[in-house]
Amino acid sequence: MKYGHTEALINILKNCMEHTPEGGTITVRAYSNPLYKCITVSDTGSGFTPEALPHIFERFYHDNRKRGFGIGLAFARSVITSQNGSLQARNSPQGGAEFEWRIFSDAK
């Protein structure tokens, strides 16, 4: 993994752990194709509110329903995008949050 990738993944996992109720699950999947490698992390928590979703990667953004300081996900996206990757978040169709991290094949 490149510099910062481990910390980025830890921050995504930490976010999922903080928002998944006891007895819930966190799932990590990985696959690749000729264009990119992809890691998805999903949880069985409450997901994102429609108001919060556009802001979750903003530094110090804090949704009053959630714990945390608004630093971890901002750091994760910053590291990933600085190395020609992408990090997206959405609500999973099955419920809960889902993060999709793409590492493009031409990334240095």
N, C-alpha and C. Protein backbone atom coordinates (compact mmCIF):
# COMPACT_ATOMS: atom_id res chain seq x y z
N MET A 1 0.84 -1.19 0.00
CA MET A 1 0.00 0.00 0.00
C MET A 1 0.88 1.24 0.00
N LYS A 2 0.39 2.27 -0.61
CA LYS A 2 1.13 3.53 -0.66
C LYS A 2 1.04 4.28 0.66
N TYR A 3 1.87 5.29 0.78
CA TYR A 3 1.89 6.10 1.99
C TYR A 3 0.49 6.63 2.30
N GLY A 4 0.03 6.40 3.49
CA GLY A 4 -1.25 6.92 3.94
C GLY A 4 -2.44 6.00 3.66
N HIS A 5 -2.27 5.00 2.78
CA HIS A 5 -3.40 4.13 2.46
C HIS A 5 -3.88 3.34 3.68
N THR A 6 -2.94 2.85 4.49
CA THR A 6 -3.33 2.10 5.68
C THR A 6 -4.14 2.99 6.62
N GLU A 7 -3.68 4.21 6.84
CA GLU A 7 -4.39 5.14 7.73
C GLU A 7 -5.76 5.49 7.16
N ALA A 8 -5.84 5.65 5.83
CA ALA A 8 -7.13 5.95 5.21
C ALA A 8 -8.11 4.81 5.45
N LEU A 9 -7.67 3.57 5.24
CA LEU A 9 -8.53 2.42 5.46
C LEU A 9 -8.94 2.31 6.92
N ILE A 10 -8.02 2.56 7.83
CA ILE A 10 -8.34 2.52 9.26
C ILE A 10 -9.42 3.56 9.59
N ASN A 11 -9.32 4.75 9.02
CA ASN A 11 -10.32 5.79 9.29
C ASN A 11 -11.70 5.40 8.75
N ILE A 12 -11.75 4.78 7.59
CA ILE A 12 -13.03 4.33 7.04
C ILE A 12 -13.62 3.24 7.94
N LEU A 13 -12.80 2.27 8.32
CA LEU A 13 -13.27 1.20 9.20
C LEU A 13 -13.71 1.74 10.55
N LYS A 14 -12.96 2.68 11.10
CA LYS A 14 -13.31 3.29 12.39
C LYS A 14 -14.67 3.98 12.31
N ASN A 15 -14.91 4.69 11.21
CA ASN A 15 -16.19 5.35 11.03
C ASN A 15 -17.32 4.32 11.02
N CYS A 16 -17.13 3.23 10.30
CA CYS A 16 -18.15 2.19 10.26
C CYS A 16 -18.36 1.57 11.65
N MET A 17 -17.29 1.33 12.37
CA MET A 17 -17.41 0.74 13.71
C MET A 17 -18.17 1.65 14.66
N GLU A 18 -17.94 2.95 14.56
CA GLU A 18 -18.61 3.90 15.44
C GLU A 18 -20.11 4.00 15.16
N HIS A 19 -20.53 3.64 13.96
CA HIS A 19 -21.93 3.83 13.58
C HIS A 19 -22.69 2.54 13.31
N THR A 20 -22.08 1.43 13.69
CA THR A 20 -22.75 0.14 13.56
C THR A 20 -23.19 -0.32 14.94
N PRO A 21 -24.45 -0.63 15.10
CA PRO A 21 -24.92 -1.05 16.43
C PRO A 21 -24.34 -2.41 16.83
N GLU A 22 -24.39 -2.68 18.13
CA GLU A 22 -23.95 -3.97 18.64
C GLU A 22 -24.71 -5.08 17.90
N GLY A 23 -23.97 -6.08 17.46
CA GLY A 23 -24.58 -7.18 16.71
C GLY A 23 -24.63 -6.93 15.21
N GLY A 24 -24.26 -5.71 14.78
CA GLY A 24 -24.23 -5.39 13.35
C GLY A 24 -22.98 -5.94 12.69
N THR A 25 -22.85 -5.71 11.42
CA THR A 25 -21.69 -6.22 10.69
C THR A 25 -21.05 -5.13 9.83
N ILE A 26 -19.76 -5.30 9.61
CA ILE A 26 -19.00 -4.48 8.68
C ILE A 26 -18.40 -5.45 7.66
N THR A 27 -18.57 -5.15 6.40
CA THR A 27 -18.10 -6.03 5.34
C THR A 27 -17.08 -5.28 4.48
N VAL A 28 -15.97 -5.94 4.19
CA VAL A 28 -14.95 -5.39 3.31
C VAL A 28 -14.84 -6.32 2.11
N ARG A 29 -14.94 -5.74 0.93
CA ARG A 29 -14.81 -6.50 -0.31
C ARG A 29 -13.75 -5.82 -1.18
N ALA A 30 -13.09 -6.63 -1.99
CA ALA A 30 -12.09 -6.08 -2.91
C ALA A 30 -12.20 -6.80 -4.25
N TYR A 31 -11.98 -6.06 -5.32
CA TYR A 31 -11.92 -6.64 -6.65
C TYR A 31 -11.08 -5.72 -7.52
N SER A 32 -10.72 -6.21 -8.69
CA SER A 32 -9.97 -5.37 -9.62
C SER A 32 -10.44 -5.65 -11.04
N ASN A 33 -10.16 -4.70 -11.89
CA ASN A 33 -10.40 -4.83 -13.32
C ASN A 33 -9.24 -4.10 -14.01
N PRO A 34 -9.20 -4.06 -15.32
CA PRO A 34 -8.05 -3.42 -15.98
C PRO A 34 -7.90 -1.92 -15.67
N LEU A 35 -8.95 -1.25 -15.22
CA LEU A 35 -8.89 0.19 -14.97
C LEU A 35 -8.54 0.55 -13.53
N TYR A 36 -9.00 -0.23 -12.58
CA TYR A 36 -8.77 0.11 -11.17
C TYR A 36 -8.94 -1.09 -10.26
N LYS A 37 -8.40 -0.93 -9.05
CA LYS A 37 -8.67 -1.85 -7.95
C LYS A 37 -9.73 -1.17 -7.10
N CYS A 38 -10.60 -1.94 -6.48
CA CYS A 38 -11.68 -1.34 -5.70
C CYS A 38 -11.81 -2.04 -4.36
N ILE A 39 -11.95 -1.25 -3.32
CA ILE A 39 -12.24 -1.75 -1.98
C ILE A 39 -13.56 -1.11 -1.56
N THR A 40 -14.52 -1.93 -1.16
CA THR A 40 -15.77 -1.39 -0.62
C THR A 40 -15.86 -1.81 0.84
N VAL A 41 -16.30 -0.88 1.65
CA VAL A 41 -16.52 -1.13 3.06
C VAL A 41 -17.96 -0.72 3.34
N SER A 42 -18.75 -1.64 3.87
CA SER A 42 -20.14 -1.33 4.18
C SER A 42 -20.46 -1.76 5.61
N ASP A 43 -21.49 -1.13 6.16
CA ASP A 43 -21.90 -1.48 7.52
C ASP A 43 -23.42 -1.62 7.57
N THR A 44 -23.89 -2.09 8.71
CA THR A 44 -25.33 -2.24 8.91
C THR A 44 -25.86 -1.21 9.90
N GLY A 45 -25.23 -0.05 9.91
CA GLY A 45 -25.67 1.05 10.76
C GLY A 45 -26.85 1.78 10.13
N SER A 46 -27.06 2.99 10.58
CA SER A 46 -28.22 3.78 10.12
C SER A 46 -27.97 4.50 8.80
N GLY A 47 -26.74 4.48 8.30
CA GLY A 47 -26.45 5.18 7.05
C GLY A 47 -26.33 6.67 7.28
N PHE A 48 -26.40 7.41 6.19
CA PHE A 48 -26.23 8.86 6.22
C PHE A 48 -27.57 9.55 6.03
N THR A 49 -27.76 10.67 6.70
CA THR A 49 -28.95 11.46 6.42
C THR A 49 -28.75 12.14 5.07
N PRO A 50 -29.83 12.44 4.37
CA PRO A 50 -29.69 13.14 3.09
C PRO A 50 -28.95 14.47 3.23
N GLU A 51 -29.13 15.13 4.37
CA GLU A 51 -28.46 16.42 4.59
C GLU A 51 -26.96 16.25 4.82
N ALA A 52 -26.57 15.16 5.47
CA ALA A 52 -25.16 14.95 5.81
C ALA A 52 -24.34 14.40 4.65
N LEU A 53 -24.94 13.58 3.82
CA LEU A 53 -24.18 12.87 2.79
C LEU A 53 -23.29 13.76 1.92
N PRO A 54 -23.74 14.93 1.47
CA PRO A 54 -22.84 15.76 0.65
C PRO A 54 -21.66 16.35 1.41
N HIS A 55 -21.67 16.25 2.74
CA HIS A 55 -20.67 16.95 3.56
C HIS A 55 -19.73 16.03 4.33
N ILE A 56 -19.91 14.73 4.29
CA ILE A 56 -19.17 13.86 5.21
C ILE A 56 -17.66 13.87 5.02
N PHE A 57 -17.19 14.28 3.85
CA PHE A 57 -15.74 14.34 3.63
C PHE A 57 -15.18 15.73 3.90
N GLU A 58 -16.00 16.66 4.37
CA GLU A 58 -15.53 18.00 4.71
C GLU A 58 -14.88 17.97 6.09
N ARG A 59 -13.73 18.59 6.17
CA ARG A 59 -13.01 18.64 7.43
C ARG A 59 -13.84 19.33 8.50
N PHE A 60 -13.93 18.73 9.65
CA PHE A 60 -14.66 19.21 10.83
C PHE A 60 -16.18 19.20 10.68
N TYR A 61 -16.69 18.62 9.59
CA TYR A 61 -18.15 18.50 9.48
C TYR A 61 -18.63 17.52 10.55
N HIS A 62 -19.68 17.89 11.24
CA HIS A 62 -20.20 17.04 12.32
C HIS A 62 -21.72 16.99 12.22
N ASP A 63 -22.24 15.81 11.93
CA ASP A 63 -23.68 15.58 11.95
C ASP A 63 -24.05 15.32 13.41
N ASN A 64 -24.99 16.05 13.94
CA ASN A 64 -25.33 15.93 15.36
C ASN A 64 -25.78 14.54 15.76
N ARG A 65 -26.21 13.71 14.81
CA ARG A 65 -26.59 12.34 15.15
C ARG A 65 -25.38 11.45 15.34
N LYS A 66 -24.24 11.87 14.85
CA LYS A 66 -23.07 11.00 14.80
C LYS A 66 -21.98 11.44 15.77
N ARG A 67 -21.11 10.48 16.09
CA ARG A 67 -19.95 10.77 16.92
C ARG A 67 -18.77 11.17 16.04
N GLY A 68 -17.71 11.62 16.65
CA GLY A 68 -16.49 11.94 15.90
C GLY A 68 -16.26 13.44 15.79
N PHE A 69 -15.12 13.76 15.18
CA PHE A 69 -14.71 15.15 15.07
C PHE A 69 -14.66 15.67 13.64
N GLY A 70 -14.95 14.82 12.67
CA GLY A 70 -14.94 15.27 11.29
C GLY A 70 -13.55 15.38 10.68
N ILE A 71 -12.63 14.57 11.17
CA ILE A 71 -11.27 14.62 10.65
C ILE A 71 -10.92 13.36 9.86
N GLY A 72 -11.33 12.20 10.33
CA GLY A 72 -10.92 10.92 9.75
C GLY A 72 -11.30 10.74 8.30
N LEU A 73 -12.57 10.98 7.95
CA LEU A 73 -12.99 10.78 6.57
C LEU A 73 -12.41 11.85 5.65
N ALA A 74 -12.24 13.07 6.16
CA ALA A 74 -11.61 14.12 5.36
C ALA A 74 -10.16 13.74 5.06
N PHE A 75 -9.47 13.22 6.05
CA PHE A 75 -8.08 12.77 5.85
C PHE A 75 -8.03 11.63 4.84
N ALA A 76 -8.93 10.65 5.00
CA ALA A 76 -8.94 9.50 4.09
C ALA A 76 -9.11 9.95 2.64
N ARG A 77 -10.09 10.80 2.40
CA ARG A 77 -10.32 11.24 1.02
C ARG A 77 -9.13 12.06 0.50
N SER A 78 -8.55 12.89 1.34
CA SER A 78 -7.41 13.70 0.93
C SER A 78 -6.24 12.82 0.48
N VAL A 79 -5.91 11.82 1.26
CA VAL A 79 -4.81 10.91 0.92
C VAL A 79 -5.12 10.17 -0.37
N ILE A 80 -6.33 9.64 -0.47
CA ILE A 80 -6.70 8.83 -1.63
C ILE A 80 -6.71 9.66 -2.91
N THR A 81 -7.32 10.83 -2.87
CA THR A 81 -7.40 11.64 -4.09
C THR A 81 -6.03 12.23 -4.47
N SER A 82 -5.16 12.47 -3.50
CA SER A 82 -3.83 13.00 -3.82
C SER A 82 -2.99 11.97 -4.57
N GLN A 83 -3.41 10.71 -4.52
CA GLN A 83 -2.67 9.65 -5.21
C GLN A 83 -3.50 9.07 -6.36
N ASN A 84 -4.30 9.93 -6.99
CA ASN A 84 -5.09 9.59 -8.17
C ASN A 84 -6.11 8.48 -7.92
N GLY A 85 -6.67 8.46 -6.73
CA GLY A 85 -7.73 7.52 -6.41
C GLY A 85 -9.02 8.29 -6.18
N SER A 86 -10.08 7.56 -5.85
CA SER A 86 -11.34 8.22 -5.52
C SER A 86 -11.97 7.51 -4.33
N LEU A 87 -12.72 8.27 -3.55
CA LEU A 87 -13.45 7.73 -2.41
C LEU A 87 -14.85 8.32 -2.43
N GLN A 88 -15.83 7.46 -2.51
CA GLN A 88 -17.23 7.88 -2.54
C GLN A 88 -17.96 7.24 -1.36
N ALA A 89 -19.03 7.87 -0.93
CA ALA A 89 -19.88 7.31 0.12
C ALA A 89 -21.32 7.37 -0.34
N ARG A 90 -22.08 6.40 0.10
CA ARG A 90 -23.51 6.36 -0.22
C ARG A 90 -24.22 5.50 0.81
N ASN A 91 -25.52 5.55 0.77
CA ASN A 91 -26.31 4.64 1.58
C ASN A 91 -26.49 3.36 0.78
N SER A 92 -26.24 2.24 1.43
CA SER A 92 -26.38 0.96 0.77
C SER A 92 -27.85 0.63 0.55
N PRO A 93 -28.20 0.01 -0.57
CA PRO A 93 -29.60 -0.38 -0.79
C PRO A 93 -30.13 -1.32 0.31
N GLN A 94 -29.23 -2.08 0.94
CA GLN A 94 -29.63 -2.98 2.02
C GLN A 94 -29.70 -2.27 3.38
N GLY A 95 -29.36 -1.00 3.42
CA GLY A 95 -29.32 -0.23 4.67
C GLY A 95 -27.88 -0.06 5.11
N GLY A 96 -27.62 0.99 5.84
CA GLY A 96 -26.27 1.26 6.31
C GLY A 96 -25.48 2.09 5.32
N ALA A 97 -24.24 2.33 5.69
CA ALA A 97 -23.34 3.15 4.87
C ALA A 97 -22.47 2.25 4.01
N GLU A 98 -22.01 2.81 2.90
CA GLU A 98 -21.09 2.09 2.02
C GLU A 98 -20.07 3.07 1.46
N PHE A 99 -18.81 2.69 1.57
CA PHE A 99 -17.71 3.48 1.02
C PHE A 99 -17.10 2.69 -0.14
N GLU A 100 -16.81 3.39 -1.23
CA GLU A 100 -16.15 2.76 -2.37
C GLU A 100 -14.86 3.51 -2.67
N TRP A 101 -13.76 2.79 -2.57
CA TRP A 101 -12.43 3.35 -2.78
C TRP A 101 -11.86 2.74 -4.05
N ARG A 102 -11.59 3.57 -5.03
CA ARG A 102 -11.00 3.11 -6.28
C ARG A 102 -9.55 3.57 -6.36
N ILE A 103 -8.68 2.64 -6.69
CA ILE A 103 -7.27 2.91 -6.90
C ILE A 103 -7.01 2.68 -8.39
N PHE A 104 -6.80 3.75 -9.13
CA PHE A 104 -6.68 3.64 -10.58
C PHE A 104 -5.34 3.06 -10.99
N SER A 105 -5.36 2.25 -12.02
CA SER A 105 -4.17 1.50 -12.45
C SER A 105 -3.00 2.40 -12.82
N ASP A 106 -3.29 3.61 -13.33
CA ASP A 106 -2.19 4.50 -13.69
C ASP A 106 -1.73 5.36 -12.53
N ALA A 107 -2.24 5.09 -11.30
CA ALA A 107 -1.81 5.87 -10.13
C ALA A 107 -0.34 5.60 -9.86
N LYS A 108 0.39 6.65 -9.55
CA LYS A 108 1.82 6.55 -9.28
C LYS A 108 2.05 6.11 -7.86
